[in-house]
Amino acid sequence: MRIEAAYPENFYFESADPKPVIGSNVWLINGVDADAGGQIFIKGILRGNEGENKTLKASIGIEENQTFIAFREAKASSQIASSPILIASSVNEVADYIAFPSDTLKYKITYKNNSNIGLREIVLKAQLSGAMLDFSGLSNPTGSFDGRTGTITWSAGNVPEFLVLNPGEGGELTFSVKLKGNYPIATFTDKNFTVKMAATIETRSTGLFLAQEKISQTSEITTKIGGRLSVRSKAYFNDQTAPIANTGPLPPRVNQTTTYTIHWQVVNFSNDSENVTVKTALPPGVNWTGKVFNLRSETSPEYNERTGEVTWDIGKVQPGIGVILPAQEVVFQISLTPTLTQAGRIVPIFNPTTISGKDEFTGVSLSETTIPIPSDLPDDPTVGYDQGTVLQ
């Protein structure tokens, strides 16, 4: 004879007496006398929403040619009752907070005795996990912290009301933890970082809740870590990496034209980004020459003569570009023709550049803006400060 059990969804088997012969749900019976019978005791954890029905099905039969033939089936249903103890949690006052490097995550855990009897010897644990966590920035005013497991524990020793929590009573516990300032990126799989906090409250059974040895309830929050898009703007007169030659006087002179090459380098940390665009507007006295070189890019920047804007539509950028892979990079040439009012001054040759896009993992919009580039070319080691001052 063969007995098979079909467990309901979210049932987690722990043990059975007698033990199953195959897996966690098959028993083989040598034989049963007439009018005789037996029992199988199964122990496990059943999870579900309040009021949800769960059905266990058991079948008895024989196996022929590796096929189970059931003679009889029996079903039993249970309904998930209201939990005698409630727990809820939030981070930074919301349930779906999107975090970024160096953020502080402020957690709040609320609990309540939802039964009509006092609950004794309560223990509440909050376990933190995630590569972005910086436990040196943990602020935990009342609980005890185990750095090996990332777990904070509260018990009657540091929360006196946990000795006996009377019906209807509850409270809240708070703590905070900082995130690392940089993404821990070492391989191509290091992306889509998250921080998980699982808070579990547990109390000894009073004997009124069926055969439970303990009563527990868990609240979990998974916080997504947003990515970062960055663009670097660099200007050169003596450019060693692009096949574009610059000409004109250096230092620049009034009413004479000097050309420079601009490098745009795009870096993408952590998450895939889409609809990525880099944009700027040329300052007065600066013009587009039309010379472009795609150093590491499949798309090129374009110039709008009517608006004076330079736009580089990139599209999708994978994580790790500029971190463990070379940055996406384009080079283009601009020209400066200083006016008399600019004589004796270092002048801006390139305005701030803005990169924008959408983080595919979190759905948030990303943007970052650079500082302007002056005519003394801080990124060109061959040009000194005095060579950036406009001469008359």
Protein backbone atom coordinates (compact mmCIF):
# COMPACT_ATOMS: atom_id res chain seq x y z
CA MET A 1 0.00 0.00 0.00
CA ARG A 2 1.11 3.54 -0.71
CA ILE A 3 -0.05 6.77 0.92
CA GLU A 4 0.66 10.15 -0.66
CA ALA A 5 0.05 13.60 0.81
CA ALA A 6 -0.42 16.71 -1.33
CA TYR A 7 0.43 19.73 0.80
CA PRO A 8 -1.18 23.14 0.31
CA GLU A 9 0.78 26.05 -1.07
CA ASN A 10 3.20 27.64 1.41
CA PHE A 11 3.28 24.58 3.67
CA TYR A 12 6.81 23.91 4.89
CA PHE A 13 7.33 20.31 6.03
CA GLU A 14 9.34 19.80 9.22
CA SER A 15 8.81 16.19 10.36
CA ALA A 16 6.40 13.25 10.42
CA ASP A 17 5.74 10.16 12.55
CA PRO A 18 6.26 7.68 11.02
CA LYS A 19 8.86 9.19 8.72
CA PRO A 20 8.05 9.29 5.00
CA VAL A 21 9.86 6.78 2.82
CA ILE A 22 10.08 8.97 -0.27
CA GLY A 23 10.63 12.71 -0.01
CA SER A 24 8.41 14.37 2.56
CA ASN A 25 5.02 13.05 1.45
CA VAL A 26 5.08 9.32 0.56
CA TRP A 27 4.64 6.37 2.95
CA LEU A 28 4.73 2.65 2.07
CA ILE A 29 2.56 0.33 4.21
CA ASN A 30 3.28 -3.41 4.15
CA GLY A 31 -0.29 -4.37 4.93
CA VAL A 32 -3.34 -3.51 6.99
CA ASP A 33 -5.53 -6.07 8.75
CA ALA A 34 -9.29 -6.00 8.37
CA ASP A 35 -10.95 -3.31 10.51
CA ALA A 36 -7.48 -2.06 11.47
CA GLY A 37 -5.94 1.33 10.79
CA GLY A 38 -3.26 3.74 11.77
CA GLN A 39 -2.28 7.38 11.91
CA ILE A 40 0.40 9.58 10.40
CA PHE A 41 1.32 12.75 12.28
CA ILE A 42 2.77 15.54 10.12
CA LYS A 43 4.37 18.68 11.50
CA GLY A 44 5.17 21.81 9.53
CA ILE A 45 4.65 25.52 9.06
CA LEU A 46 1.66 26.82 7.11
CA ARG A 47 1.88 30.40 5.88
CA GLY A 48 -0.82 32.50 4.29
CA ASN A 49 -3.02 35.55 4.56
CA GLU A 50 -5.64 35.98 7.24
CA GLY A 51 -8.87 34.19 6.22
CA GLU A 52 -7.18 32.17 3.45
CA ASN A 53 -8.29 28.53 3.09
CA LYS A 54 -5.63 25.81 2.84
CA THR A 55 -6.43 22.24 1.77
CA LEU A 56 -4.45 19.07 2.50
CA LYS A 57 -5.19 16.05 0.31
CA ALA A 58 -4.20 12.46 1.17
CA SER A 59 -4.51 9.46 -1.15
CA ILE A 60 -4.17 5.72 -0.48
CA GLY A 61 -3.61 3.16 -3.21
CA ILE A 62 -1.01 1.02 -4.92
CA GLU A 63 1.78 1.53 -7.42
CA GLU A 64 1.73 -0.45 -10.67
CA ASN A 65 4.24 0.00 -13.47
CA GLN A 66 5.60 3.11 -11.75
CA THR A 67 2.12 4.66 -11.75
CA PHE A 68 0.24 5.45 -8.54
CA ILE A 69 -3.36 4.21 -8.59
CA ALA A 70 -5.43 5.82 -5.84
CA PHE A 71 -8.24 3.82 -4.24
CA ARG A 72 -9.49 6.60 -2.03
CA GLU A 73 -8.81 10.26 -1.32
CA ALA A 74 -9.50 12.45 1.67
CA LYS A 75 -9.30 16.21 2.03
CA ALA A 76 -9.12 18.52 5.02
CA SER A 77 -9.23 22.30 4.90
CA SER A 78 -8.00 24.88 7.37
CA GLN A 79 -8.46 28.60 7.45
CA ILE A 80 -5.65 30.96 8.40
CA ALA A 81 -6.82 32.56 11.61
CA SER A 82 -6.00 36.03 12.84
CA SER A 83 -2.51 36.07 14.25
CA PRO A 84 -2.43 36.53 18.03
CA ILE A 85 0.53 38.84 17.58
CA LEU A 86 0.94 41.49 14.89
CA ILE A 87 4.10 43.04 13.45
CA ALA A 88 4.68 45.62 10.71
CA SER A 89 7.72 47.51 9.52
CA SER A 90 8.69 50.51 7.41
CA VAL A 91 11.88 52.20 6.25
CA ASN A 92 12.21 55.98 6.12
CA GLU A 93 8.45 56.19 6.80
CA VAL A 94 7.49 54.36 3.57
CA ALA A 95 7.29 50.72 2.48
CA ASP A 96 8.91 51.14 -0.96
CA TYR A 97 11.77 53.55 -0.29
CA ILE A 98 14.49 53.68 -2.99
CA ALA A 99 17.93 54.14 -1.42
CA PHE A 100 21.26 55.40 -2.76
CA PRO A 101 24.87 55.08 -1.56
CA SER A 102 25.62 56.87 1.75
CA ASP A 103 21.90 56.96 2.62
CA THR A 104 20.74 56.26 6.16
CA LEU A 105 17.94 53.70 6.42
CA LYS A 106 15.70 54.42 9.39
CA TYR A 107 13.61 51.38 10.29
CA LYS A 108 10.50 51.32 12.46
CA ILE A 109 8.99 48.05 13.69
CA THR A 110 5.54 48.11 15.32
CA TYR A 111 4.02 45.22 17.25
CA LYS A 112 0.76 44.46 19.07
CA ASN A 113 -0.86 41.68 21.10
CA ASN A 114 -3.91 40.85 18.98
CA SER A 115 -5.25 38.17 21.33
CA ASN A 116 -7.33 38.23 24.51
CA ILE A 117 -4.60 36.75 26.70
CA GLY A 118 -1.22 37.98 27.85
CA LEU A 119 1.75 36.87 25.74
CA ARG A 120 4.92 35.98 27.63
CA GLU A 121 8.66 35.99 27.00
CA ILE A 122 8.51 37.81 23.69
CA VAL A 123 11.63 37.98 21.53
CA LEU A 124 11.87 40.24 18.47
CA LYS A 125 14.71 39.88 15.97
CA ALA A 126 15.57 42.08 12.99
CA GLN A 127 18.02 40.53 10.52
CA LEU A 128 19.75 42.80 8.00
CA SER A 129 21.40 41.53 4.83
CA GLY A 130 22.89 43.13 1.72
CA ALA A 131 26.31 43.98 0.29
CA MET A 132 25.67 47.74 0.59
CA LEU A 133 25.27 47.72 4.38
CA ASP A 134 27.81 49.56 6.53
CA PHE A 135 27.31 48.17 10.03
CA SER A 136 29.77 50.68 11.46
CA GLY A 137 26.96 53.19 10.95
CA LEU A 138 24.38 51.16 12.91
CA SER A 139 22.39 53.10 15.49
CA ASN A 140 20.54 50.74 17.81
CA PRO A 141 19.55 52.32 21.13
CA THR A 142 18.02 49.30 22.90
CA GLY A 143 18.69 45.95 21.20
CA SER A 144 21.78 43.75 21.13
CA PHE A 145 23.57 43.32 17.79
CA ASP A 146 25.29 40.20 16.44
CA GLY A 147 27.63 41.29 13.65
CA ARG A 148 28.17 37.71 12.48
CA THR A 149 24.54 37.33 11.41
CA GLY A 150 23.54 40.98 11.06
CA THR A 151 20.80 40.46 13.65
CA ILE A 152 19.45 42.84 16.29
CA THR A 153 17.63 41.13 19.17
CA TRP A 154 15.19 42.60 21.69
CA SER A 155 13.92 40.62 24.66
CA ALA A 156 12.60 41.27 28.15
CA GLY A 157 16.15 42.13 29.21
CA ASN A 158 16.12 45.37 27.19
CA VAL A 159 12.36 45.79 26.55
CA PRO A 160 10.65 45.13 29.93
CA GLU A 161 7.11 44.85 28.47
CA PHE A 162 8.27 41.79 26.51
CA LEU A 163 8.09 39.81 29.77
CA VAL A 164 4.29 40.00 29.53
CA LEU A 165 2.50 41.83 26.72
CA ASN A 166 -1.10 42.24 27.78
CA PRO A 167 -4.07 42.05 25.37
CA GLY A 168 -4.26 45.08 23.08
CA GLU A 169 -0.86 46.38 24.15
CA GLY A 170 1.85 47.17 21.63
CA GLY A 171 4.68 49.49 20.81
CA GLU A 172 7.44 50.27 18.35
CA LEU A 173 11.19 49.82 18.04
CA THR A 174 13.48 51.89 15.86
CA PHE A 175 17.03 51.65 14.58
CA SER A 176 19.03 53.00 11.65
CA VAL A 177 21.93 51.83 9.51
CA LYS A 178 24.05 53.58 6.91
CA LEU A 179 24.81 52.38 3.41
CA LYS A 180 28.29 52.26 1.93
CA GLY A 181 29.37 55.27 -0.06
CA ASN A 182 30.43 53.22 -3.08
CA TYR A 183 28.93 50.29 -4.93
CA PRO A 184 30.90 47.05 -4.27
CA ILE A 185 31.38 46.28 -7.96
CA ALA A 186 33.97 43.64 -8.84
CA THR A 187 32.30 41.53 -11.56
CA PHE A 188 29.61 41.86 -14.23
CA THR A 189 27.05 40.28 -11.88
CA ASP A 190 27.44 43.02 -9.27
CA LYS A 191 24.28 45.00 -9.99
CA ASN A 192 20.72 45.49 -8.74
CA PHE A 193 21.81 45.78 -5.10
CA THR A 194 19.21 45.46 -2.34
CA VAL A 195 19.04 45.60 1.44
CA LYS A 196 16.67 43.22 3.20
CA MET A 197 15.31 43.58 6.71
CA ALA A 198 13.34 40.64 8.15
CA ALA A 199 11.72 41.31 11.53
CA THR A 200 10.35 38.29 13.41
CA ILE A 201 8.45 38.45 16.70
CA GLU A 202 8.04 35.27 18.70
CA THR A 203 6.33 34.25 21.92
CA ARG A 204 5.95 30.97 23.75
CA SER A 205 2.62 29.20 23.22
CA THR A 206 0.12 29.56 26.04
CA GLY A 207 -1.51 26.26 25.18
CA LEU A 208 -4.55 28.00 23.72
CA PHE A 209 -3.24 28.03 20.16
CA LEU A 210 -3.63 24.41 19.06
CA ALA A 211 -0.42 22.38 19.25
CA GLN A 212 1.95 25.21 18.49
CA GLU A 213 5.14 25.21 20.52
CA LYS A 214 5.64 28.86 19.69
CA ILE A 215 3.83 31.67 17.93
CA SER A 216 5.73 33.85 15.49
CA GLN A 217 5.04 36.49 12.88
CA THR A 218 7.41 38.03 10.33
CA SER A 219 7.51 41.32 8.45
CA GLU A 220 10.03 41.79 5.64
CA ILE A 221 11.16 44.84 3.68
CA THR A 222 13.45 44.72 0.66
CA THR A 223 14.90 48.09 -0.28
CA LYS A 224 16.26 48.56 -3.79
CA ILE A 225 19.46 50.55 -4.24
CA GLY A 226 19.29 53.03 -7.09
CA GLY A 227 22.05 53.29 -9.66
CA ARG A 228 24.07 56.28 -10.74
CA LEU A 229 24.82 57.78 -14.14
CA SER A 230 27.82 60.06 -14.48
CA VAL A 231 29.42 62.03 -17.30
CA ARG A 232 32.92 63.47 -17.37
CA SER A 233 33.64 66.49 -19.57
CA LYS A 234 37.28 67.13 -20.45
CA ALA A 235 38.87 69.62 -22.84
CA TYR A 236 42.28 69.45 -24.55
CA PHE A 237 44.37 71.54 -26.90
CA ASN A 238 47.08 68.92 -27.28
CA ASP A 239 44.95 65.79 -27.59
CA GLN A 240 46.90 62.53 -27.60
CA THR A 241 43.94 60.13 -27.97
CA ALA A 242 41.78 61.52 -30.80
CA PRO A 243 42.76 62.02 -34.47
CA ILE A 244 41.57 65.64 -34.40
CA ALA A 245 44.24 68.34 -34.59
CA ASN A 246 43.64 71.64 -32.82
CA THR A 247 44.87 74.96 -34.15
CA GLY A 248 45.03 78.63 -33.21
CA PRO A 249 46.89 80.74 -30.69
CA LEU A 250 47.50 79.55 -27.15
CA PRO A 251 46.90 81.56 -25.02
CA PRO A 252 43.76 82.50 -26.97
CA ARG A 253 43.67 86.00 -28.49
CA VAL A 254 40.88 88.50 -29.09
CA ASN A 255 39.18 88.03 -32.48
CA GLN A 256 41.33 84.98 -33.28
CA THR A 257 40.03 81.40 -33.31
CA THR A 258 41.46 78.59 -31.18
CA THR A 259 40.05 75.06 -31.38
CA TYR A 260 39.76 72.48 -28.61
CA THR A 261 38.64 68.86 -28.42
CA ILE A 262 35.97 67.90 -25.89
CA HIS A 263 35.77 64.39 -24.45
CA TRP A 264 32.48 63.11 -23.07
CA GLN A 265 32.91 59.96 -20.97
CA VAL A 266 29.84 58.14 -19.64
CA VAL A 267 29.99 55.98 -16.50
CA ASN A 268 27.14 53.76 -15.29
CA PHE A 269 27.19 52.25 -11.81
CA SER A 270 25.25 49.26 -10.54
CA ASN A 271 22.03 49.06 -12.64
CA ASP A 272 21.02 48.95 -16.30
CA SER A 273 20.01 52.40 -17.54
CA GLU A 274 17.82 53.29 -20.50
CA ASN A 275 16.96 56.45 -22.47
CA VAL A 276 20.37 57.86 -21.60
CA THR A 277 21.09 61.32 -23.03
CA VAL A 278 24.01 63.73 -22.60
CA LYS A 279 23.36 67.40 -23.35
CA THR A 280 24.87 70.87 -23.09
CA ALA A 281 24.61 74.30 -24.73
CA LEU A 282 27.71 76.04 -26.06
CA PRO A 283 28.62 79.35 -24.37
CA PRO A 284 28.76 82.66 -26.29
CA GLY A 285 31.75 82.91 -28.60
CA VAL A 286 32.10 79.12 -28.87
CA ASN A 287 31.14 77.26 -32.05
CA TRP A 288 30.78 73.71 -33.31
CA THR A 289 33.33 72.73 -35.97
CA GLY A 290 31.62 69.50 -37.04
CA LYS A 291 34.58 67.23 -36.33
CA VAL A 292 33.49 64.17 -34.31
CA PHE A 293 35.28 60.97 -33.34
CA ASN A 294 33.53 58.01 -31.68
CA LEU A 295 36.23 56.67 -29.41
CA ARG A 296 34.01 54.05 -27.69
CA SER A 297 30.42 54.55 -28.79
CA GLU A 298 27.94 53.36 -31.39
CA THR A 299 26.18 56.74 -31.50
CA SER A 300 27.47 60.28 -32.12
CA PRO A 301 26.66 63.67 -30.61
CA GLU A 302 24.66 66.07 -32.77
CA TYR A 303 24.62 69.86 -32.86
CA ASN A 304 21.52 72.05 -33.20
CA GLU A 305 22.50 75.37 -34.80
CA ARG A 306 19.23 77.05 -33.80
CA THR A 307 19.58 76.33 -30.07
CA GLY A 308 23.36 75.94 -29.77
CA GLU A 309 22.80 72.59 -28.02
CA VAL A 310 24.97 69.50 -28.33
CA THR A 311 23.05 66.26 -27.69
CA TRP A 312 24.31 62.69 -27.47
CA ASP A 313 21.48 60.14 -27.47
CA ILE A 314 22.98 56.89 -26.22
CA GLY A 315 19.95 54.75 -25.37
CA LYS A 316 20.74 51.82 -23.08
CA VAL A 317 23.91 51.61 -20.99
CA GLN A 318 24.86 48.44 -19.14
CA PRO A 319 26.12 48.53 -15.54
CA GLY A 320 29.87 48.58 -14.95
CA ILE A 321 30.63 50.88 -17.89
CA GLY A 322 33.47 53.11 -16.73
CA VAL A 323 33.95 50.95 -13.62
CA ILE A 324 35.09 47.48 -14.70
CA LEU A 325 34.74 48.25 -18.42
CA PRO A 326 36.00 51.32 -20.32
CA ALA A 327 33.69 54.32 -20.30
CA GLN A 328 31.60 55.08 -23.37
CA GLU A 329 33.36 58.02 -24.98
CA VAL A 330 32.98 60.45 -27.85
CA VAL A 331 35.24 63.32 -28.91
CA PHE A 332 34.25 66.45 -30.81
CA GLN A 333 35.84 69.77 -31.63
CA ILE A 334 34.74 73.28 -30.70
CA SER A 335 36.26 76.68 -31.44
CA LEU A 336 36.62 79.80 -29.30
CA THR A 337 36.84 83.34 -30.71
CA PRO A 338 37.24 85.70 -27.73
CA THR A 339 35.84 89.23 -27.76
CA LEU A 340 37.54 92.37 -26.49
CA THR A 341 35.50 92.26 -23.26
CA GLN A 342 37.10 88.89 -22.42
CA ALA A 343 40.69 90.14 -22.64
CA GLY A 344 42.76 89.49 -19.52
CA ARG A 345 40.40 86.82 -18.22
CA ILE A 346 40.06 83.06 -18.17
CA VAL A 347 36.78 82.40 -19.96
CA PRO A 348 34.40 79.43 -20.09
CA ILE A 349 34.84 77.38 -23.26
CA PHE A 350 32.28 74.70 -22.35
CA ASN A 351 29.11 74.93 -20.28
CA PRO A 352 27.95 72.37 -17.67
CA THR A 353 26.93 69.04 -19.16
CA THR A 354 23.91 67.06 -17.95
CA ILE A 355 23.42 63.31 -18.29
CA SER A 356 19.95 61.85 -17.75
CA GLY A 357 18.32 58.44 -18.00
CA LYS A 358 16.08 55.92 -16.29
CA ASP A 359 17.20 53.23 -13.85
CA GLU A 360 15.60 50.00 -15.12
CA PHE A 361 15.87 48.23 -11.74
CA THR A 362 14.20 50.89 -9.59
CA GLY A 363 12.27 52.84 -12.23
CA VAL A 364 13.60 56.19 -10.97
CA SER A 365 14.97 58.96 -13.17
CA LEU A 366 18.69 59.66 -12.87
CA SER A 367 20.60 62.82 -13.71
CA GLU A 368 23.93 64.44 -12.95
CA THR A 369 25.54 67.70 -14.07
CA THR A 370 29.21 68.60 -14.45
CA ILE A 371 30.93 71.92 -13.81
CA PRO A 372 31.91 74.23 -16.72
CA ILE A 373 35.34 73.97 -18.35
CA PRO A 374 37.52 77.12 -18.31
CA SER A 375 40.05 78.13 -20.95
CA ASP A 376 43.02 77.10 -18.78
CA LEU A 377 42.06 73.44 -19.54
CA PRO A 378 42.54 71.75 -16.12
CA ASP A 379 42.59 68.26 -17.73
CA ASP A 380 45.30 69.04 -20.30
CA PRO A 381 48.69 68.58 -18.59
CA THR A 382 50.46 70.45 -21.42
CA VAL A 383 48.55 73.70 -20.80
CA GLY A 384 49.40 75.93 -17.85
CA TYR A 385 47.18 78.40 -16.04
CA ASP A 386 48.75 81.40 -17.77
CA GLN A 387 47.98 79.86 -21.18
CA GLY A 388 44.27 80.15 -20.48
CA THR A 389 44.14 83.93 -20.07
CA VAL A 390 42.82 85.73 -23.16
CA LEU A 391 45.35 88.12 -24.70
CA GLN A 392 44.40 91.26 -26.61
